[in-house]
Amino acid sequence: MKSHISIRDVNAFYNGHQALKNITVEIPQKKITAIIGPSGCGKSTLLKCFNRLIDLTDGASVSGKIIVDGIDILNGSIDVTDVRRKMGLLPQKPNPLPMSIYDNIAYGPRLHGKPDKKELDRIVEKYLKIAGLWDEVKDRLKSPASKLSIGQQQRLCLARGLAVEPEIILCDEPTSALDPVSSQHIEQGLLKLKNDYTIVIVTHNIHQAMRLADYVIHLYLGELVEHGPANDVFENPKEERTRAYINGTILSDLKIDKEVDLKGNICPYNFVLAKQALHELSKGKVLKLVVDDPLAVTEVPRGMEADGNEVLSVKQINKTDWEIVIQKTE
């Protein structure tokens, strides 16, 4: 695989606390690379280094090199605006600009010198179509973007990021605030976009990483544990810590507060019953579900995340059954 981003001996600190420790890895071009690992392992910090958003964090410092198109983007003399133009960002929560749907997409191109109305019309339509939103909004382009549903707002943010024609799309847990249907829209869009863009996605949802990734980077406590083609990492991890994280055995000492057998149920009943079971628990408690509906393996975690809860583990326990472990955080 041809490399697009070369990360060399990158260290990151927040007020003296080391968040990244000597990270050296290559990110392949026009592939989806998933950065996985538990909360606090440095995933989002690494992503923020790529577009230099880490510069905006008080007390943060970074050393090492990140080479994109032959240029070290951590070099102090680099124009940060040029760096960010190369990097489209899809954040965890959608952040539409306080203006119309049309102007959200046209904003970036206007900044970069494309004021022609016909050209802007073409750009707006093109990228709303790529984001899968055109048919839903084409008759209300002058309406405020804030009137869109949260899932539509996230697709609008994707279109807005693409409209400035970046080379790389950075996604920071882009579906964690979305409902299952909206999450599916985003995932399907990313799979199509990898033919034209290098995509890096931070996700704590191991199953999402399995669905999307061509390449995987596993971080733990700021260290690079393992990296490689997704099939190799997921099917035959070299490191025990990676195997434990993928299989959920890292949770072996975690107290399960409630266990529910949902075998024999199909979606959406799986999700409804799971939601009822979680509702009976207090915040911070842990629910374990056992399902045998293949659709539930995808949709129950998506729905739980959309409700603001944390999916700790999704793993197959035999030929037909899967175990889903969820912590109530809302």
Protein backbone atom coordinates (compact mmCIF):
# COMPACT_ATOMS: atom_id res chain seq x y z
CA MET A 1 0.00 0.00 0.00
CA LYS A 2 1.29 3.45 -0.93
CA SER A 3 1.76 5.72 2.07
CA HIS A 4 0.04 9.12 2.29
CA ILE A 5 0.91 10.16 5.86
CA SER A 6 4.24 9.23 7.45
CA ILE A 7 4.33 9.57 11.24
CA ARG A 8 7.84 9.54 12.68
CA ASP A 9 8.73 9.56 16.38
CA VAL A 10 5.74 11.69 17.34
CA ASN A 11 5.37 12.60 21.00
CA ALA A 12 2.57 14.73 22.42
CA PHE A 13 2.22 16.32 25.85
CA TYR A 14 -0.55 18.11 27.73
CA ASN A 15 0.90 20.25 30.53
CA GLY A 16 3.73 17.75 30.98
CA HIS A 17 1.57 14.62 30.74
CA GLN A 18 2.70 12.46 27.80
CA ALA A 19 -0.28 11.49 25.63
CA LEU A 20 1.66 9.99 22.68
CA LYS A 21 4.94 8.11 23.00
CA ASN A 22 7.28 7.80 20.01
CA ILE A 23 4.60 6.95 17.44
CA THR A 24 6.03 5.82 14.09
CA VAL A 25 3.62 4.43 11.49
CA GLU A 26 2.54 4.88 7.87
CA ILE A 27 -1.05 5.62 6.84
CA PRO A 28 -1.91 4.25 3.37
CA GLN A 29 -3.28 6.36 0.53
CA LYS A 30 -6.94 6.04 -0.53
CA LYS A 31 -7.75 3.51 2.17
CA ILE A 32 -9.69 3.71 5.42
CA THR A 33 -7.38 3.55 8.41
CA ALA A 34 -9.05 2.95 11.79
CA ILE A 35 -7.30 4.09 14.95
CA ILE A 36 -8.60 1.87 17.76
CA GLY A 37 -8.02 1.55 21.47
CA PRO A 38 -9.77 2.26 24.79
CA SER A 39 -10.71 5.74 25.98
CA GLY A 40 -7.73 7.92 26.85
CA CYS A 41 -5.23 5.98 24.74
CA GLY A 42 -4.29 8.92 22.47
CA LYS A 43 -6.51 8.30 19.43
CA SER A 44 -8.01 11.78 19.18
CA THR A 45 -4.70 13.41 20.11
CA LEU A 46 -3.02 11.74 17.14
CA LEU A 47 -5.84 12.85 14.86
CA LYS A 48 -5.52 16.44 16.08
CA CYS A 49 -1.83 16.38 15.19
CA PHE A 50 -2.69 15.70 11.53
CA ASN A 51 -4.63 18.96 11.06
CA ARG A 52 -2.71 20.88 13.73
CA LEU A 53 -5.85 21.43 15.82
CA ILE A 54 -3.71 20.37 18.76
CA ASP A 55 -2.10 23.82 18.42
CA LEU A 56 -5.33 25.30 19.79
CA THR A 57 -5.13 23.32 23.06
CA ASP A 58 -3.60 25.20 25.98
CA GLY A 59 -0.52 23.47 27.36
CA ALA A 60 -0.16 21.07 24.43
CA SER A 61 3.14 20.41 22.65
CA VAL A 62 4.18 17.99 19.91
CA SER A 63 7.55 16.77 18.65
CA GLY A 64 8.57 14.50 15.79
CA LYS A 65 7.56 14.61 12.14
CA ILE A 66 4.32 14.05 10.20
CA ILE A 67 5.10 13.98 6.49
CA VAL A 68 2.27 14.67 4.01
CA ASP A 69 3.14 15.02 0.32
CA GLY A 70 6.80 15.30 1.24
CA ILE A 71 6.26 18.17 3.70
CA ASP A 72 6.60 17.98 7.48
CA ILE A 73 3.34 19.54 8.65
CA LEU A 74 4.67 19.90 12.22
CA ASN A 75 7.34 22.30 10.97
CA GLY A 76 6.78 25.67 12.64
CA SER A 77 7.18 27.58 9.38
CA ILE A 78 4.35 25.74 7.62
CA ASP A 79 1.14 27.66 6.85
CA VAL A 80 -1.41 25.91 9.08
CA THR A 81 -4.25 27.07 6.80
CA ASP A 82 -2.71 25.05 3.95
CA VAL A 83 -2.42 22.01 6.22
CA ARG A 84 -6.08 22.21 7.23
CA ARG A 85 -7.17 22.70 3.64
CA LYS A 86 -5.74 19.25 2.90
CA MET A 87 -7.62 17.73 5.85
CA GLY A 88 -11.41 17.58 5.90
CA LEU A 89 -12.69 16.99 9.44
CA LEU A 90 -15.83 15.11 10.44
CA PRO A 91 -16.19 15.71 14.20
CA GLN A 92 -17.87 13.64 16.88
CA LYS A 93 -20.83 16.00 17.05
CA PRO A 94 -22.06 17.93 14.00
CA ASN A 95 -21.27 21.64 14.04
CA PRO A 96 -23.14 23.34 11.19
CA LEU A 97 -22.42 27.01 10.69
CA PRO A 98 -25.24 29.43 11.72
CA MET A 99 -26.34 29.98 8.14
CA SER A 100 -28.32 28.25 5.39
CA ILE A 101 -27.71 24.74 4.09
CA TYR A 102 -26.41 26.23 0.83
CA ASP A 103 -24.07 28.67 2.55
CA ASN A 104 -22.63 25.97 4.79
CA ILE A 105 -21.30 24.19 1.69
CA ALA A 106 -20.39 27.38 -0.21
CA TYR A 107 -18.54 28.94 2.73
CA GLY A 108 -15.20 27.18 2.19
CA PRO A 109 -15.07 27.56 -1.60
CA ARG A 110 -15.88 31.29 -1.22
CA LEU A 111 -12.99 31.68 1.22
CA HIS A 112 -10.69 30.05 -1.31
CA GLY A 113 -11.65 32.35 -4.15
CA LYS A 114 -14.62 30.74 -5.92
CA PRO A 115 -17.29 33.48 -5.85
CA ASP A 116 -18.96 32.56 -9.16
CA LYS A 117 -22.62 31.70 -8.48
CA LYS A 118 -22.87 28.97 -11.14
CA GLU A 119 -19.69 27.34 -9.89
CA LEU A 120 -20.93 27.48 -6.30
CA ASP A 121 -24.28 25.96 -7.33
CA ARG A 122 -22.38 23.10 -8.96
CA ILE A 123 -20.19 22.58 -5.92
CA VAL A 124 -23.12 22.61 -3.48
CA GLU A 125 -25.08 20.06 -5.51
CA LYS A 126 -22.05 17.83 -6.11
CA TYR A 127 -21.02 17.49 -2.48
CA LEU A 128 -24.53 17.22 -1.07
CA LYS A 129 -25.03 14.31 -3.49
CA ILE A 130 -21.77 12.69 -2.39
CA ALA A 131 -22.87 13.02 1.23
CA GLY A 132 -26.23 11.45 0.38
CA LEU A 133 -28.18 14.54 1.38
CA TRP A 134 -29.15 16.25 -1.90
CA ASP A 135 -32.53 14.59 -2.41
CA GLU A 136 -33.55 15.45 1.16
CA VAL A 137 -32.64 19.16 1.04
CA LYS A 138 -32.61 20.31 -2.61
CA ASP A 139 -35.94 22.12 -2.19
CA ARG A 140 -34.89 24.00 0.97
CA LEU A 141 -31.28 25.01 0.41
CA LYS A 142 -31.93 28.47 1.85
CA SER A 143 -33.33 27.05 5.09
CA PRO A 144 -31.16 27.25 8.23
CA ALA A 145 -28.86 24.26 8.64
CA SER A 146 -29.89 24.15 12.29
CA LYS A 147 -33.34 22.92 11.19
CA LEU A 148 -31.86 19.64 9.92
CA SER A 149 -31.92 16.50 12.06
CA ILE A 150 -28.67 15.65 13.83
CA GLY A 151 -27.96 12.87 11.31
CA GLN A 152 -28.55 15.25 8.41
CA GLN A 153 -26.33 17.84 10.08
CA GLN A 154 -23.49 15.32 10.25
CA ARG A 155 -23.84 14.55 6.53
CA LEU A 156 -23.93 18.31 5.89
CA CYS A 157 -20.64 18.64 7.78
CA LEU A 158 -19.19 15.87 5.61
CA ALA A 159 -20.30 17.72 2.45
CA ARG A 160 -18.90 21.00 3.82
CA GLY A 161 -15.54 19.39 4.49
CA LEU A 162 -15.40 17.86 1.00
CA ALA A 163 -16.32 21.15 -0.71
CA VAL A 164 -12.84 22.59 -0.10
CA GLU A 165 -11.43 19.56 -1.96
CA PRO A 166 -9.17 18.04 0.71
CA GLU A 167 -6.89 15.07 0.12
CA ILE A 168 -7.57 13.48 3.49
CA ILE A 169 -10.74 13.05 5.58
CA LEU A 170 -10.30 12.86 9.36
CA CYS A 171 -13.21 11.36 11.32
CA ASP A 172 -13.31 11.61 15.13
CA GLU A 173 -15.91 9.05 16.25
CA PRO A 174 -18.23 10.47 13.58
CA THR A 175 -21.27 8.29 14.36
CA SER A 176 -21.21 8.20 18.16
CA ALA A 177 -23.91 10.90 18.42
CA LEU A 178 -26.11 9.49 15.64
CA ASP A 179 -29.07 7.14 15.40
CA PRO A 180 -28.53 3.75 13.66
CA VAL A 181 -29.90 4.84 10.27
CA SER A 182 -27.81 8.02 10.18
CA SER A 183 -24.75 6.05 11.27
CA GLN A 184 -25.28 3.69 8.38
CA HIS A 185 -25.51 6.66 5.96
CA ILE A 186 -22.15 7.96 7.18
CA GLU A 187 -20.46 4.55 7.05
CA GLN A 188 -21.72 3.86 3.53
CA GLY A 189 -20.57 7.32 2.44
CA LEU A 190 -17.06 6.73 3.81
CA LEU A 191 -16.79 3.40 1.99
CA LYS A 192 -17.58 5.15 -1.30
CA LEU A 193 -15.25 8.07 -0.61
CA LYS A 194 -12.15 5.95 -0.04
CA ASN A 195 -11.80 5.56 -3.82
CA ASP A 196 -10.85 9.26 -3.96
CA TYR A 197 -9.64 10.17 -0.47
CA THR A 198 -7.38 8.91 2.28
CA ILE A 199 -9.64 8.44 5.32
CA VAL A 200 -8.58 8.17 8.97
CA ILE A 201 -11.27 7.29 11.48
CA VAL A 202 -10.97 7.24 15.26
CA THR A 203 -13.47 4.80 16.74
CA HIS A 204 -13.94 3.00 20.05
CA ASN A 205 -16.46 0.71 18.35
CA ILE A 206 -14.45 -2.34 17.34
CA HIS A 207 -17.27 -3.62 15.19
CA GLN A 208 -17.37 -0.37 13.22
CA ALA A 209 -13.64 -0.68 12.65
CA MET A 210 -14.18 -4.22 11.35
CA ARG A 211 -16.85 -2.99 8.94
CA LEU A 212 -14.86 -0.08 7.55
CA ALA A 213 -11.12 -0.44 7.93
CA ASP A 214 -8.53 -1.47 5.37
CA TYR A 215 -5.72 -0.69 7.81
CA VAL A 216 -5.67 -0.61 11.62
CA ILE A 217 -3.59 1.24 14.20
CA HIS A 218 -3.99 0.06 17.80
CA LEU A 219 -2.96 2.52 20.53
CA TYR A 220 -2.86 1.84 24.27
CA LEU A 221 -1.83 4.40 26.91
CA GLY A 222 -0.19 6.54 24.24
CA GLU A 223 1.87 3.72 22.76
CA LEU A 224 1.60 2.07 19.35
CA VAL A 225 0.78 -1.55 20.14
CA GLU A 226 0.21 -2.94 16.65
CA HIS A 227 -0.61 -1.86 13.12
CA GLY A 228 -1.25 -3.55 9.79
CA PRO A 229 -3.85 -4.56 7.20
CA ALA A 230 -7.26 -4.91 8.88
CA ASN A 231 -7.70 -8.57 8.00
CA ASP A 232 -4.35 -9.45 9.57
CA VAL A 233 -4.91 -7.44 12.74
CA PHE A 234 -8.49 -8.59 13.34
CA GLU A 235 -8.04 -12.24 12.36
CA ASN A 236 -4.52 -12.89 13.59
CA PRO A 237 -3.25 -10.13 15.89
CA LYS A 238 0.43 -10.39 16.78
CA GLU A 239 0.18 -8.68 20.16
CA GLU A 240 -1.69 -10.09 23.14
CA ARG A 241 -2.98 -6.62 24.06
CA THR A 242 -4.55 -6.31 20.60
CA ARG A 243 -6.12 -9.74 20.87
CA ALA A 244 -7.50 -8.86 24.30
CA TYR A 245 -8.96 -5.57 23.05
CA ILE A 246 -10.57 -7.15 19.98
CA ASN A 247 -11.99 -10.10 21.90
CA GLY A 248 -13.14 -8.04 24.84
CA THR A 249 -11.11 -10.09 27.31
CA ILE A 250 -9.64 -6.80 28.50
CA LEU A 251 -13.01 -6.52 30.26
CA SER A 252 -12.67 -9.84 32.09
CA ASP A 253 -12.41 -8.16 35.48
CA LEU A 254 -15.31 -5.81 34.82
CA LYS A 255 -18.38 -6.40 36.96
CA ILE A 256 -21.46 -7.22 34.87
CA ASP A 257 -24.50 -5.78 36.64
CA LYS A 258 -27.14 -7.38 34.45
CA GLU A 259 -27.14 -10.05 31.74
CA VAL A 260 -29.97 -10.48 29.21
CA ASP A 261 -30.38 -13.33 26.73
CA LEU A 262 -32.00 -11.92 23.56
CA LYS A 263 -31.54 -14.99 21.41
CA GLY A 264 -34.56 -15.71 19.25
CA ASN A 265 -35.43 -12.02 18.91
CA ILE A 266 -34.96 -9.99 15.74
CA CYS A 267 -34.47 -6.26 15.13
CA PRO A 268 -35.92 -3.90 16.14
CA TYR A 269 -37.18 -5.95 19.11
CA ASN A 270 -33.59 -6.69 20.16
CA PHE A 271 -32.89 -3.00 20.52
CA VAL A 272 -36.18 -2.24 22.30
CA LEU A 273 -35.60 -5.02 24.85
CA ALA A 274 -31.96 -4.00 25.32
CA LYS A 275 -33.00 -0.40 25.89
CA GLN A 276 -35.56 -1.48 28.47
CA ALA A 277 -32.95 -3.56 30.30
CA LEU A 278 -30.47 -0.68 30.34
CA HIS A 279 -33.16 1.72 31.55
CA GLU A 280 -33.51 -0.38 34.70
CA LEU A 281 -29.82 0.16 35.54
CA SER A 282 -28.31 3.25 37.13
CA LYS A 283 -25.60 5.35 35.49
CA GLY A 284 -22.23 3.59 35.29
CA LYS A 285 -23.69 0.08 35.49
CA VAL A 286 -22.83 -2.55 32.88
CA LEU A 287 -25.24 -4.63 30.80
CA LYS A 288 -24.28 -7.77 28.88
CA LEU A 289 -26.50 -8.92 26.00
CA VAL A 290 -26.39 -12.19 24.08
CA VAL A 291 -27.89 -12.07 20.58
CA ASP A 292 -28.11 -14.44 17.62
CA ASP A 293 -29.60 -12.04 15.05
CA PRO A 294 -26.76 -10.87 12.72
CA LEU A 295 -28.49 -7.52 12.22
CA ALA A 296 -28.54 -6.94 15.97
CA VAL A 297 -24.74 -7.21 16.09
CA THR A 298 -24.61 -3.98 14.07
CA GLU A 299 -27.79 -2.15 15.01
CA VAL A 300 -27.91 -2.65 18.79
CA PRO A 301 -24.44 -1.10 19.36
CA ARG A 302 -25.29 1.74 16.96
CA GLY A 303 -28.53 2.45 18.78
CA MET A 304 -26.92 2.29 22.20
CA GLU A 305 -24.22 4.74 21.14
CA ALA A 306 -26.85 7.03 19.62
CA ASP A 307 -28.50 7.13 23.06
CA GLY A 308 -25.20 8.28 24.56
CA ASN A 309 -24.11 5.00 26.16
CA GLU A 310 -20.70 3.36 25.69
CA VAL A 311 -20.33 0.03 23.88
CA LEU A 312 -17.44 -1.65 25.69
CA SER A 313 -17.26 -4.88 23.70
CA VAL A 314 -18.82 -6.69 20.74
CA LYS A 315 -17.49 -10.21 20.25
CA GLN A 316 -18.57 -13.53 18.76
CA ILE A 317 -18.77 -16.29 21.36
CA ASN A 318 -19.71 -19.22 19.10
CA LYS A 319 -20.93 -19.90 15.55
CA THR A 320 -24.33 -18.26 16.08
CA ASP A 321 -24.11 -16.06 19.17
CA TRP A 322 -22.59 -12.65 19.92
CA GLU A 323 -22.00 -10.87 23.20
CA ILE A 324 -22.49 -7.10 23.49
CA VAL A 325 -21.33 -5.29 26.64
CA ILE A 326 -22.69 -1.77 27.25
CA GLN A 327 -22.06 0.73 30.03
CA LYS A 328 -24.86 3.12 30.87
CA THR A 329 -23.44 6.65 30.67
CA GLU A 330 -26.64 8.68 30.30
